N, C-alpha and C. Protein backbone atom coordinates (compact mmCIF):
# COMPACT_ATOMS: atom_id res chain seq x y z
N UNK A 1 17.40 4.85 16.59
CA UNK A 1 16.38 5.54 16.05
C UNK A 1 16.54 4.19 14.72
N UNK A 2 15.66 3.79 14.72
CA UNK A 2 15.39 2.92 13.43
C UNK A 2 14.47 3.68 12.10
N UNK A 3 14.72 3.31 10.94
CA UNK A 3 14.33 3.74 9.70
C UNK A 3 13.56 2.53 9.38
N UNK A 4 12.62 2.76 9.07
CA UNK A 4 11.90 1.72 8.57
C UNK A 4 10.78 2.23 7.30
N UNK A 5 10.55 1.27 6.27
CA UNK A 5 9.31 1.52 5.44
C UNK A 5 8.98 0.59 4.78
N UNK A 6 7.32 0.31 4.38
CA UNK A 6 6.69 -0.59 3.94
C UNK A 6 6.25 0.23 2.99
N UNK A 7 6.53 -0.12 1.24
CA UNK A 7 6.41 0.33 -0.06
C UNK A 7 5.39 -0.35 -0.72
N UNK A 8 4.21 0.14 -0.92
CA UNK A 8 2.98 -0.99 -1.61
C UNK A 8 2.60 -0.49 -2.86
N UNK A 9 2.76 -1.61 -3.84
CA UNK A 9 2.60 -0.86 -5.21
C UNK A 9 1.49 -2.34 -5.70
N UNK A 10 0.16 -1.73 -6.14
CA UNK A 10 -0.68 -2.71 -6.78
C UNK A 10 -0.89 -2.02 -8.19
N UNK A 11 -0.20 -2.98 -9.36
CA UNK A 11 -0.48 -2.76 -10.70
C UNK A 11 -1.58 -3.21 -11.50
N UNK A 12 -2.07 -4.47 -11.27
CA UNK A 12 -2.39 -5.19 -11.80
C UNK A 12 -3.85 -5.61 -10.99
N UNK A 13 -4.98 -5.30 -11.75
CA UNK A 13 -6.51 -5.10 -11.14
C UNK A 13 -7.29 -6.06 -11.84
N UNK A 14 -8.41 -6.58 -11.01
CA UNK A 14 -9.45 -7.67 -11.51
C UNK A 14 -10.22 -6.40 -12.39
N UNK A 15 -11.11 -6.72 -13.06
CA UNK A 15 -11.96 -6.15 -14.31
C UNK A 15 -12.68 -4.61 -13.47
N UNK A 16 -12.75 -3.94 -14.26
CA UNK A 16 -13.36 -2.34 -13.76
C UNK A 16 -12.52 -1.47 -13.39
N UNK A 17 -11.42 -1.73 -13.03
CA UNK A 17 -9.83 -0.82 -12.79
C UNK A 17 -9.07 -0.75 -13.66
N UNK A 18 -8.51 -0.41 -14.06
CA UNK A 18 -7.26 -0.04 -15.69
C UNK A 18 -5.79 -0.57 -14.84
N UNK A 19 -5.00 -1.01 -15.25
CA UNK A 19 -3.52 -1.61 -14.80
C UNK A 19 -3.01 -0.62 -14.86
N UNK A 20 -2.35 -0.51 -13.52
CA UNK A 20 -1.38 0.71 -13.52
C UNK A 20 0.14 0.05 -13.66
N UNK A 21 0.63 0.17 -14.66
CA UNK A 21 2.12 -0.54 -14.84
C UNK A 21 2.85 0.51 -13.80
N UNK A 22 3.08 1.47 -13.84
CA UNK A 22 4.28 2.52 -13.12
C UNK A 22 4.39 2.39 -11.47
N UNK A 23 2.87 1.57 -10.83
CA UNK A 23 2.99 1.35 -9.57
C UNK A 23 4.15 0.70 -9.30
N UNK A 24 4.36 -0.38 -9.81
CA UNK A 24 5.54 -1.21 -9.38
C UNK A 24 7.03 -0.59 -9.26
N UNK A 25 7.21 0.43 -10.91
CA UNK A 25 8.16 1.24 -10.88
C UNK A 25 8.51 2.55 -9.98
N UNK A 26 7.49 2.89 -9.24
CA UNK A 26 7.40 3.84 -8.37
C UNK A 26 8.36 2.95 -6.86
N UNK A 27 8.14 2.16 -6.43
CA UNK A 27 8.33 1.15 -5.72
C UNK A 27 9.35 1.36 -5.80
N UNK A 28 10.04 0.80 -6.78
CA UNK A 28 11.17 0.36 -6.99
C UNK A 28 12.27 1.21 -7.06
N UNK A 29 11.55 2.98 -7.87
CA UNK A 29 12.54 3.82 -7.39
C UNK A 29 12.54 4.04 -6.41
N UNK A 30 11.49 4.20 -5.05
CA UNK A 30 11.54 5.20 -3.68
C UNK A 30 12.27 3.87 -2.94
N UNK A 31 12.35 2.76 -3.14
CA UNK A 31 12.88 1.59 -2.44
C UNK A 31 14.85 1.92 -2.73
N UNK A 32 15.15 2.54 -3.94
CA UNK A 32 16.16 2.40 -4.18
C UNK A 32 16.81 4.27 -3.49
N UNK A 33 16.34 4.88 -3.81
CA UNK A 33 16.49 6.40 -2.57
C UNK A 33 16.33 6.07 -1.00
N UNK A 34 15.93 5.60 -0.63
CA UNK A 34 15.63 5.36 0.60
C UNK A 34 16.40 4.19 1.23
N UNK A 35 16.96 3.33 0.25
CA UNK A 35 18.36 2.07 0.92
C UNK A 35 19.57 2.69 0.37
N UNK A 36 19.54 4.33 -0.34
CA UNK A 36 21.02 4.49 -0.36
C UNK A 36 21.56 5.22 0.96
N UNK A 37 22.94 5.10 0.98
CA UNK A 37 23.35 5.76 2.30
C UNK A 37 23.31 6.89 2.33
N UNK A 38 23.74 7.73 0.94
CA UNK A 38 24.02 9.04 1.04
C UNK A 38 22.36 9.73 0.71
N UNK A 39 21.54 9.06 0.80
CA UNK A 39 20.08 9.62 0.76
C UNK A 39 19.22 9.25 1.50
N UNK A 40 18.66 8.08 1.67
CA UNK A 40 17.65 7.87 2.82
C UNK A 40 18.27 7.08 3.90
N UNK A 41 19.22 6.23 3.28
CA UNK A 41 19.84 5.66 4.63
C UNK A 41 18.52 4.89 6.01
N UNK A 42 17.71 4.05 4.80
CA UNK A 42 17.26 3.62 5.87
C UNK A 42 17.55 2.25 6.41
N UNK A 43 17.25 1.84 7.20
CA UNK A 43 17.52 0.35 7.85
C UNK A 43 17.27 -0.75 7.31
N UNK A 44 15.72 -0.51 7.04
CA UNK A 44 14.76 -1.40 6.62
C UNK A 44 13.86 -1.12 5.41
N UNK A 45 13.89 -1.56 4.49
CA UNK A 45 12.65 -0.95 3.18
C UNK A 45 11.96 -2.59 2.83
N UNK A 46 10.95 -2.63 2.83
CA UNK A 46 10.23 -3.83 2.76
C UNK A 46 9.48 -3.33 1.17
N UNK A 47 9.00 -4.34 0.48
CA UNK A 47 7.91 -4.08 -0.44
C UNK A 47 6.86 -4.91 -0.97
N UNK A 48 5.52 -4.69 -1.11
CA UNK A 48 4.58 -5.30 -1.58
C UNK A 48 4.06 -4.80 -2.99
N UNK A 49 4.28 -6.30 -3.73
CA UNK A 49 3.75 -5.76 -5.17
C UNK A 49 2.07 -6.79 -5.03
N UNK A 50 1.54 -6.00 -5.91
CA UNK A 50 0.31 -6.77 -5.94
C UNK A 50 -0.72 -7.57 -4.67
N UNK A 51 -0.42 -6.98 -3.38
CA UNK A 51 -0.76 -7.73 -2.75
C UNK A 51 -2.14 -8.16 -2.05
N UNK A 52 -2.87 -9.08 -1.52
CA UNK A 52 -3.96 -9.26 -1.27
C UNK A 52 -4.53 -8.85 -0.30
N UNK A 53 -5.74 -8.03 -0.03
CA UNK A 53 -6.12 -7.34 1.12
C UNK A 53 -5.43 -7.88 2.52
N UNK A 54 -6.17 -8.96 2.95
CA UNK A 54 -5.09 -9.45 4.22
C UNK A 54 -3.83 -9.74 4.13
N UNK A 55 -2.84 -9.72 3.45
CA UNK A 55 -1.58 -9.53 3.51
C UNK A 55 -1.10 -7.95 3.43
N UNK A 56 -1.51 -7.18 2.99
CA UNK A 56 -1.04 -5.72 3.01
C UNK A 56 -1.73 -5.28 4.27
N UNK A 57 -3.11 -5.60 4.82
CA UNK A 57 -3.21 -4.96 6.29
C UNK A 57 -2.38 -5.71 7.44
N UNK A 58 -2.09 -7.04 7.23
CA UNK A 58 -1.43 -7.64 7.92
C UNK A 58 0.66 -6.90 7.83
N UNK A 59 0.63 -6.75 6.41
CA UNK A 59 2.22 -5.74 6.70
C UNK A 59 2.35 -4.51 7.34
N UNK A 60 0.81 -3.76 6.94
CA UNK A 60 0.85 -2.65 7.64
C UNK A 60 0.54 -2.49 8.94
N UNK A 61 -0.31 -3.71 9.50
CA UNK A 61 -0.10 -3.67 11.25
C UNK A 61 1.50 -3.74 12.22
N UNK A 62 2.17 -4.39 11.27
CA UNK A 62 3.21 -5.38 11.26
C UNK A 62 4.31 -4.12 11.71
N UNK A 63 4.31 -3.55 10.37
CA UNK A 63 5.34 -2.31 10.39
C UNK A 63 5.06 -1.40 11.85
N UNK A 64 3.90 -0.99 11.75
CA UNK A 64 3.56 -0.28 12.97
C UNK A 64 3.85 -0.47 13.92
N UNK A 65 3.47 -1.61 14.48
CA UNK A 65 3.36 -2.01 15.92
C UNK A 65 4.90 -2.48 16.23
N UNK A 66 5.69 -2.72 15.24
CA UNK A 66 7.39 -2.96 15.51
C UNK A 66 8.01 -1.88 15.47
N UNK A 67 7.31 -0.76 15.50
CA UNK A 67 8.14 0.56 16.04
C UNK A 67 8.01 0.64 17.12
N UNK A 68 9.16 1.83 17.60
CA UNK A 68 8.98 2.59 19.03
C UNK A 68 8.68 3.73 18.84
N UNK A 69 8.12 4.46 19.54
CA UNK A 69 8.07 5.92 19.58
C UNK A 69 9.30 6.98 19.34
N UNK A 70 10.53 6.53 19.10
CA UNK A 70 11.73 7.32 18.30
C UNK A 70 11.91 6.85 16.42
N UNK A 71 11.44 5.51 16.53
CA UNK A 71 11.64 5.04 15.00
C UNK A 71 10.82 5.85 13.82
N UNK A 72 11.53 6.28 13.17
CA UNK A 72 10.75 6.75 11.76
C UNK A 72 10.01 5.70 10.79
N UNK A 73 8.87 5.63 10.67
CA UNK A 73 8.54 4.67 9.94
C UNK A 73 7.34 5.97 8.70
N UNK A 74 7.56 4.91 7.53
CA UNK A 74 7.15 5.11 6.21
C UNK A 74 6.33 4.23 5.49
N UNK A 75 5.54 4.57 5.60
CA UNK A 75 4.44 3.77 4.62
C UNK A 75 3.97 4.48 3.43
N UNK A 76 4.25 4.06 2.07
CA UNK A 76 3.65 4.42 0.62
C UNK A 76 2.89 3.37 0.08
N UNK A 77 2.07 4.20 -0.50
CA UNK A 77 1.26 2.90 -1.45
C UNK A 77 1.09 3.83 -2.56
N UNK A 78 1.26 3.01 -4.06
CA UNK A 78 1.25 3.60 -5.29
C UNK A 78 0.36 2.81 -5.79
N UNK A 79 -0.94 3.59 -6.21
CA UNK A 79 -2.17 2.47 -6.97
C UNK A 79 -3.37 3.57 -6.74
N UNK A 80 -4.51 2.43 -6.85
CA UNK A 80 -5.34 3.07 -7.37
C UNK A 80 -6.29 3.26 -5.42
N UNK A 81 -6.96 4.26 -5.81
CA UNK A 81 -7.82 4.98 -4.33
C UNK A 81 -9.17 4.61 -4.66
N UNK A 82 -10.20 4.11 -3.89
CA UNK A 82 -11.48 4.24 -4.46
C UNK A 82 -12.06 4.74 -3.17
N UNK A 83 -13.71 5.06 -3.09
CA UNK A 83 -14.82 5.87 -2.14
C UNK A 83 -15.66 4.82 -1.94
N UNK A 84 -16.29 4.83 -0.97
CA UNK A 84 -17.27 3.76 -0.81
C UNK A 84 -18.80 4.85 -1.13
N UNK A 85 -19.93 4.06 -1.03
CA UNK A 85 -21.05 4.93 -0.84
C UNK A 85 -21.10 6.12 0.25
N UNK A 86 -20.59 5.67 1.25
CA UNK A 86 -20.62 6.84 2.38
C UNK A 86 -19.20 7.68 2.09
N UNK A 87 -18.19 7.84 1.27
CA UNK A 87 -17.30 8.47 0.93
C UNK A 87 -16.17 8.03 1.69
N UNK A 88 -15.89 6.98 2.58
CA UNK A 88 -14.40 6.57 3.18
C UNK A 88 -14.02 5.95 1.99
N UNK A 89 -12.49 6.26 2.02
CA UNK A 89 -11.12 5.99 1.36
C UNK A 89 -11.26 4.63 1.49
N UNK A 90 -10.59 4.00 0.36
CA UNK A 90 -10.13 2.72 0.13
C UNK A 90 -8.74 2.47 -0.68
N UNK A 91 -8.10 1.60 -0.25
CA UNK A 91 -6.93 1.43 -1.04
C UNK A 91 -7.30 -0.15 -1.70
N UNK A 92 -6.97 0.02 -3.25
CA UNK A 92 -7.67 -0.74 -4.02
C UNK A 92 -6.47 -1.94 -3.72
N UNK A 93 -7.00 -3.07 -4.30
CA UNK A 93 -5.87 -4.54 -4.43
C UNK A 93 -6.32 -4.92 -5.15
N UNK A 94 -5.75 -6.05 -5.96
CA UNK A 94 -5.94 -6.72 -7.46
C UNK A 94 -7.32 -7.36 -7.38
N UNK A 95 -8.09 -7.74 -6.36
CA UNK A 95 -9.20 -8.48 -5.99
C UNK A 95 -10.50 -7.32 -5.85
N UNK A 96 -10.05 -6.19 -5.71
CA UNK A 96 -11.42 -5.31 -5.81
C UNK A 96 -11.93 -5.10 -6.69
N UNK A 97 -13.02 -5.17 -6.13
CA UNK A 97 -14.30 -5.40 -6.90
C UNK A 97 -15.66 -4.35 -6.54
N UNK A 98 -16.50 -4.10 -7.52
CA UNK A 98 -17.77 -3.40 -7.16
C UNK A 98 -18.84 -4.30 -7.48
N UNK A 99 -19.93 -4.21 -6.85
CA UNK A 99 -21.09 -5.11 -7.21
C UNK A 99 -22.02 -4.88 -8.17
N UNK A 100 -22.84 -5.39 -8.38
CA UNK A 100 -23.70 -4.95 -9.35
C UNK A 100 -24.10 -3.94 -9.71
N UNK A 101 -24.62 -3.07 -8.32
CA UNK A 101 -25.50 -1.62 -8.59
C UNK A 101 -24.08 -0.60 -8.45
N UNK A 102 -22.69 -1.09 -8.78
CA UNK A 102 -21.58 -0.30 -8.89
C UNK A 102 -20.63 0.47 -7.46
N UNK A 103 -21.50 -0.53 -6.27
CA UNK A 103 -20.81 -0.05 -5.15
C UNK A 103 -19.72 -0.85 -4.71
N UNK A 104 -18.51 -0.09 -4.03
CA UNK A 104 -16.75 -1.21 -3.66
C UNK A 104 -17.63 -2.01 -2.88
N UNK A 105 -17.11 -3.12 -2.99
CA UNK A 105 -16.96 -4.30 -2.19
C UNK A 105 -16.11 -4.21 -1.24
N UNK A 106 -16.35 -3.57 0.13
CA UNK A 106 -15.09 -3.16 0.89
C UNK A 106 -14.69 -4.23 1.12
N UNK A 107 -14.65 -5.16 1.54
CA UNK A 107 -14.03 -6.68 1.96
C UNK A 107 -12.67 -6.83 0.75
N UNK A 108 -12.56 -6.34 -0.53
CA UNK A 108 -12.18 -6.54 -1.60
C UNK A 108 -10.42 -5.00 -1.33
N UNK A 109 -10.81 -4.14 -0.44
CA UNK A 109 -9.68 -3.17 -0.44
C UNK A 109 -9.65 -3.18 1.04
N UNK A 110 -8.22 -2.47 0.94
CA UNK A 110 -8.17 -1.93 2.09
C UNK A 110 -8.78 -0.86 2.58
N UNK A 111 -9.21 -0.48 4.08
CA UNK A 111 -9.97 0.61 4.43
C UNK A 111 -8.37 1.62 4.79
N UNK A 112 -8.59 3.12 4.22
CA UNK A 112 -7.71 4.10 4.99
C UNK A 112 -7.78 4.32 5.86
N UNK A 113 -8.72 4.07 6.93
CA UNK A 113 -8.96 3.81 8.25
C UNK A 113 -8.42 3.18 9.09
N UNK A 114 -7.90 1.88 8.48
CA UNK A 114 -7.36 0.94 9.06
C UNK A 114 -5.76 1.76 9.63
N UNK A 115 -4.81 2.68 8.87
CA UNK A 115 -3.80 3.24 8.93
C UNK A 115 -3.83 4.07 10.17
């Protein structure tokens, strides 16, 4: 059984969303715990800081498709979450924007249902 993790932190955002400097610190702290042989003892811990939406989706898909049924996979996200006009949750990325009406431009974020 492999133990793998993908830790995503988004701290820098375009206009309209406040910066979250602690997101990068959250990722670093969790990485230390998961890689510690006395605590997490994970085989692989990959980190992504301030990724573009396509990169984020690619790495999430890669994490889960590379695992077998007996593996332990952990996906962690530290950053803003936003809902669209229908109430669907999205993970914000550095390029996440809202249009002139204040609605989320969905192509600039990652849908939670993607996971």
